[in-house]
Protein backbone atom coordinates (compact mmCIF):
# COMPACT_ATOMS: atom_id res chain seq x y z
CA MET A 1 6.88 28.87 36.41
CA GLU A 2 5.44 29.48 32.92
CA HIS A 3 6.42 32.36 30.74
CA GLU A 4 3.75 33.98 28.58
CA GLU A 5 4.88 35.89 25.55
CA VAL A 6 3.34 39.31 25.22
CA VAL A 7 2.29 40.08 21.67
CA ASP A 8 2.17 43.80 20.81
CA ASN A 9 -0.72 44.35 18.32
CA SER A 10 -0.91 48.12 18.89
CA HIS A 11 0.60 48.90 15.53
CA LYS A 12 -2.30 46.99 13.84
CA ASP A 13 -5.02 48.71 15.87
CA PHE A 14 -7.20 51.28 14.19
CA ALA A 15 -7.29 53.55 17.22
CA HIS A 16 -3.54 53.57 17.96
CA ASN A 17 -2.25 54.36 14.44
CA TRP A 18 -3.66 57.76 13.62
CA VAL A 19 -1.90 58.02 10.18
CA LEU A 20 -3.57 54.91 8.84
CA SER A 21 -6.92 55.66 10.49
CA SER A 22 -7.05 59.24 9.18
CA ARG A 23 -6.08 58.06 5.68
CA PHE A 24 -8.80 55.45 5.86
CA LEU A 25 -11.40 57.97 7.05
CA PHE A 26 -10.36 60.43 4.37
CA TYR A 27 -10.81 57.87 1.57
CA CYS A 28 -14.19 56.82 3.08
CA LEU A 29 -15.35 60.42 3.18
CA PHE A 30 -14.04 61.06 -0.31
CA PHE A 31 -15.84 57.97 -1.62
CA LEU A 32 -19.09 58.99 0.11
CA ILE A 33 -18.94 62.53 -1.31
CA ILE A 34 -18.40 61.17 -4.85
CA ALA A 35 -21.17 58.55 -4.42
CA PHE A 36 -23.68 61.14 -3.15
CA SER A 37 -22.74 63.54 -5.93
CA PHE A 38 -23.27 60.97 -8.63
CA GLY A 39 -26.47 59.81 -6.92
CA GLY A 40 -27.85 63.39 -6.79
CA CYS A 41 -26.88 64.04 -10.44
CA TYR A 42 -28.60 60.78 -11.44
CA SER A 43 -31.73 61.75 -9.47
CA LEU A 44 -31.79 65.17 -11.12
CA TYR A 45 -31.41 63.54 -14.49
CA LYS A 46 -34.13 61.00 -13.87
CA HIS A 47 -36.60 63.67 -12.72
CA ARG A 48 -35.61 66.31 -15.24
CA TYR A 49 -38.14 68.69 -16.91
CA HIS A 50 -39.56 67.12 -20.04
CA GLY A 51 -41.13 70.23 -21.57
CA THR A 52 -44.43 72.03 -21.41
CA PRO A 53 -47.39 69.57 -21.53
CA GLU A 54 -50.37 70.28 -23.66
CA VAL A 55 -52.97 71.42 -21.21
CA THR A 56 -56.54 72.43 -22.03
CA VAL A 57 -57.58 75.44 -20.06
CA PRO A 58 -61.30 76.13 -19.59
CA GLY A 59 -62.36 79.43 -21.13
CA ASN A 60 -63.95 80.75 -17.88
CA THR A 61 -60.64 80.53 -16.06
CA LEU A 62 -58.63 82.69 -18.47
CA TYR A 63 -57.34 86.17 -17.67
CA ASN A 64 -60.06 87.57 -19.91
CA PRO A 65 -62.72 84.98 -19.35
CA LYS A 66 -64.94 83.81 -22.19
CA TYR A 67 -68.53 83.20 -21.15
CA LYS A 68 -71.20 81.43 -23.09
């Protein structure tokens, strides 16, 4: 008759330890919020408004058009 030793790994399991799993999920969520915030700020900085370009407007399209 052989005796098998039962090893209890439930304390290491992600689903059984709600304290560690909730802490891990909180830090993941916190990191994702910070990463998306910095990514959005960088995108807004990269595509920022660079000023009014010098545009030539034809005279016939003005509010008071100038005809030849």
